[in-house]
Amino acid sequence: MLTKGLVQIYTGDGKGKTTAAIGLAVRAAGQDLRVLFCQFLKPENLDLGERNILETIPNITLRIIDHPWDMRSSLKDPIIVEQTRNIIHKAFATIAAEIKRYDLIILDEIVFCFSQRLADIEDLRRLFMQRGPNTEIVLTGRGATEELIAMADLVTEMKAAKHPFDSGTPARRGIEY
């Protein structure tokens, strides 16, 4: 068990936010900490390599907040946006109800949800108040707002200096997903 739980944010336009959170989840599980890894805006039908392995690691519970989402088009559809808001709100209630079972909670892509107003900051505040003093919370995603940054103890910004996408290399199985 941790002696003091902090709030971490991994944000920025660079690659590696989810990857860093996965590394932390594995490290924590290896020290017998109980981990809840929640993925937002990454529907169950996506073939993501991390899911295949995270589901097999003792002490890690993977939860996919399953809802149809397309990063290129969903924000333009008010019906999908409203449905997504409702699903995220319900997910926060579920996480809050069981938060004391875990030492580490990772909310993957939730920062983007806050930046796009798909999630309510009050839900996060309630989650923070309901956690035990030893529960670590990690938020990942692009677009951390000043309000989110102020709530965190540690903020890491991933900066893209160069990326193969820029020269036309598509996402690669096992590396980007």
Protein backbone atom coordinates (compact mmCIF):
# COMPACT_ATOMS: atom_id res chain seq x y z
CA MET A 1 0.00 0.00 0.00
CA LEU A 2 1.20 3.52 -0.76
CA THR A 3 1.87 5.86 2.14
CA LYS A 4 0.41 8.82 0.22
CA GLY A 5 -1.54 8.79 -3.01
CA LEU A 6 -0.86 11.54 -5.52
CA VAL A 7 -2.53 12.74 -8.72
CA GLN A 8 -0.49 12.43 -11.90
CA ILE A 9 -1.28 13.73 -15.39
CA TYR A 10 0.39 12.57 -18.61
CA THR A 11 -0.58 15.03 -21.34
CA GLY A 12 0.71 16.72 -24.48
CA ASP A 13 0.71 16.13 -28.22
CA GLY A 14 3.55 13.63 -28.15
CA LYS A 15 3.40 9.86 -28.16
CA GLY A 16 3.67 7.88 -24.93
CA LYS A 17 0.95 8.96 -22.51
CA THR A 18 -0.89 5.65 -22.42
CA THR A 19 2.38 3.75 -22.70
CA ALA A 20 3.73 5.51 -19.60
CA ALA A 21 0.53 4.73 -17.70
CA ILE A 22 0.76 1.07 -18.71
CA GLY A 23 4.34 0.95 -17.47
CA LEU A 24 3.25 2.40 -14.15
CA ALA A 25 0.38 -0.12 -13.91
CA VAL A 26 2.77 -3.02 -14.50
CA ARG A 27 5.27 -1.65 -11.97
CA ALA A 28 2.53 -1.18 -9.35
CA ALA A 29 1.09 -4.67 -9.96
CA GLY A 30 4.60 -6.08 -9.61
CA GLN A 31 4.71 -4.59 -6.10
CA ASP A 32 1.33 -6.15 -5.21
CA LEU A 33 -0.62 -2.92 -5.57
CA ARG A 34 -4.17 -3.29 -6.87
CA VAL A 35 -4.65 -1.40 -10.15
CA LEU A 36 -7.78 -0.28 -11.98
CA PHE A 37 -6.98 0.69 -15.58
CA CYS A 38 -9.97 2.38 -17.28
CA GLN A 39 -9.95 3.24 -20.97
CA PHE A 40 -12.21 6.01 -22.23
CA LEU A 41 -12.94 6.69 -25.94
CA LYS A 42 -11.26 3.43 -26.93
CA PRO A 43 -14.20 1.17 -27.85
CA GLU A 44 -14.05 -2.54 -27.16
CA ASN A 45 -13.88 -3.33 -30.89
CA LEU A 46 -10.45 -1.67 -31.21
CA ASP A 47 -7.61 -4.18 -31.43
CA LEU A 48 -5.26 -2.70 -28.84
CA GLY A 49 -2.21 -4.71 -27.85
CA GLU A 50 -2.17 -3.41 -24.29
CA ARG A 51 -5.54 -5.00 -23.60
CA ASN A 52 -4.28 -8.46 -24.49
CA ILE A 53 -1.56 -8.30 -21.86
CA LEU A 54 -3.15 -6.13 -19.16
CA GLU A 55 -6.00 -8.63 -18.81
CA THR A 56 -3.48 -11.35 -17.92
CA ILE A 57 -1.51 -9.49 -15.26
CA PRO A 58 -2.44 -10.28 -11.66
CA ASN A 59 -3.54 -7.22 -9.63
CA ILE A 60 -4.67 -5.29 -12.74
CA THR A 61 -8.35 -4.86 -13.54
CA LEU A 62 -8.97 -3.54 -17.04
CA ARG A 63 -12.21 -1.69 -17.61
CA ILE A 64 -13.19 -0.51 -21.08
CA ILE A 65 -15.76 2.26 -21.04
CA ASP A 66 -17.31 0.89 -24.22
CA HIS A 67 -19.09 3.34 -26.48
CA PRO A 68 -18.80 3.93 -30.23
CA TRP A 69 -16.28 6.72 -30.73
CA ASP A 70 -14.31 7.96 -33.71
CA MET A 71 -11.68 10.62 -33.00
CA ARG A 72 -12.18 12.17 -36.44
CA SER A 73 -15.96 12.51 -36.47
CA SER A 74 -17.68 11.89 -33.13
CA LEU A 75 -17.12 15.40 -31.73
CA LYS A 76 -19.15 16.76 -34.67
CA ASP A 77 -22.21 14.66 -33.80
CA PRO A 78 -24.23 16.22 -30.94
CA ILE A 79 -26.10 12.97 -30.26
CA ILE A 80 -22.88 10.96 -29.85
CA VAL A 81 -21.39 13.75 -27.72
CA GLU A 82 -24.37 13.74 -25.36
CA GLN A 83 -24.41 9.94 -25.14
CA THR A 84 -20.68 9.99 -24.40
CA ARG A 85 -21.14 12.56 -21.63
CA ASN A 86 -23.77 10.35 -19.99
CA ILE A 87 -21.64 7.21 -20.26
CA ILE A 88 -18.59 8.97 -18.79
CA HIS A 89 -20.69 10.36 -15.93
CA LYS A 90 -21.99 6.86 -15.14
CA ALA A 91 -18.46 5.44 -15.37
CA PHE A 92 -17.27 7.95 -12.75
CA ALA A 93 -20.07 6.85 -10.43
CA THR A 94 -19.05 3.20 -10.85
CA ILE A 95 -15.37 3.97 -10.26
CA ALA A 96 -16.22 6.05 -7.19
CA ALA A 97 -18.27 3.20 -5.72
CA GLU A 98 -15.30 0.84 -5.83
CA ILE A 99 -12.35 3.23 -5.57
CA LYS A 100 -11.25 2.00 -2.14
CA ARG A 101 -10.56 -1.46 -3.58
CA TYR A 102 -7.60 -0.10 -5.54
CA ASP A 103 -4.22 1.47 -4.80
CA LEU A 104 -3.80 2.92 -8.30
CA ILE A 105 -6.53 4.19 -10.63
CA ILE A 106 -5.59 5.02 -14.22
CA LEU A 107 -8.10 6.96 -16.31
CA ASP A 108 -6.74 6.64 -19.84
CA GLU A 109 -7.79 9.42 -22.27
CA ILE A 110 -9.88 11.20 -19.64
CA VAL A 111 -7.83 14.41 -20.00
CA PHE A 112 -9.03 14.70 -23.61
CA CYS A 113 -12.58 14.11 -22.35
CA PHE A 114 -12.24 17.07 -19.97
CA SER A 115 -10.67 19.28 -22.64
CA GLN A 116 -13.60 18.57 -24.98
CA ARG A 117 -16.24 18.87 -22.23
CA LEU A 118 -17.21 15.22 -22.51
CA ALA A 119 -16.54 14.83 -18.79
CA ASP A 120 -17.57 17.01 -15.86
CA ILE A 121 -14.78 18.23 -13.59
CA GLU A 122 -17.15 17.89 -10.62
CA ASP A 123 -17.18 14.11 -11.18
CA LEU A 124 -13.40 14.13 -10.85
CA ARG A 125 -13.52 16.25 -7.70
CA ARG A 126 -16.00 13.80 -6.14
CA LEU A 127 -13.72 10.92 -7.10
CA PHE A 128 -10.77 12.63 -5.43
CA MET A 129 -12.80 13.16 -2.25
CA GLN A 130 -13.97 9.52 -2.14
CA ARG A 131 -10.54 7.96 -2.58
CA GLY A 132 -8.48 6.88 0.35
CA PRO A 133 -5.40 8.93 1.29
CA ASN A 134 -3.19 6.19 -0.20
CA THR A 135 -4.87 5.94 -3.61
CA GLU A 136 -2.83 7.19 -6.57
CA ILE A 137 -4.77 8.52 -9.58
CA VAL A 138 -3.31 8.92 -13.06
CA LEU A 139 -5.04 10.84 -15.86
CA THR A 140 -3.86 10.59 -19.47
CA GLY A 141 -4.74 12.41 -22.66
CA ARG A 142 -4.14 15.50 -24.71
CA GLY A 143 -5.19 18.98 -23.72
CA ALA A 144 -4.80 19.26 -19.95
CA THR A 145 -6.50 22.45 -18.84
CA GLU A 146 -5.03 24.82 -16.26
CA GLU A 147 -7.75 23.67 -13.86
CA LEU A 148 -6.71 20.02 -14.23
CA ILE A 149 -3.03 20.88 -13.92
CA ALA A 150 -3.74 22.79 -10.71
CA MET A 151 -5.41 19.67 -9.25
CA ALA A 152 -2.38 17.46 -9.94
CA ASP A 153 0.76 16.75 -7.96
CA LEU A 154 2.78 15.66 -11.01
CA VAL A 155 2.27 16.69 -14.64
CA THR A 156 4.33 15.27 -17.48
CA GLU A 157 3.91 16.78 -20.93
CA MET A 158 4.81 14.55 -23.86
CA LYS A 159 6.13 16.77 -26.65
CA ALA A 160 6.30 15.64 -30.25
CA ALA A 161 9.68 16.65 -31.67
CA LYS A 162 9.45 14.22 -34.59
CA HIS A 163 7.01 11.44 -35.42
CA PRO A 164 6.88 8.92 -38.30
CA PHE A 165 3.20 9.84 -38.87
CA ASP A 166 4.49 13.18 -40.21
CA SER A 167 6.23 11.39 -43.09
CA GLY A 168 3.27 9.13 -43.85
CA THR A 169 4.13 6.06 -41.78
CA PRO A 170 0.83 4.60 -40.52
CA ALA A 171 0.23 3.34 -36.98
CA ARG A 172 2.04 0.03 -36.46
CA ARG A 173 0.59 -3.00 -34.70
CA GLY A 174 2.43 -3.65 -31.45
CA ILE A 175 4.04 -0.18 -31.41
CA GLU A 176 1.25 2.41 -31.68
CA TYR A 177 -1.61 0.06 -30.84
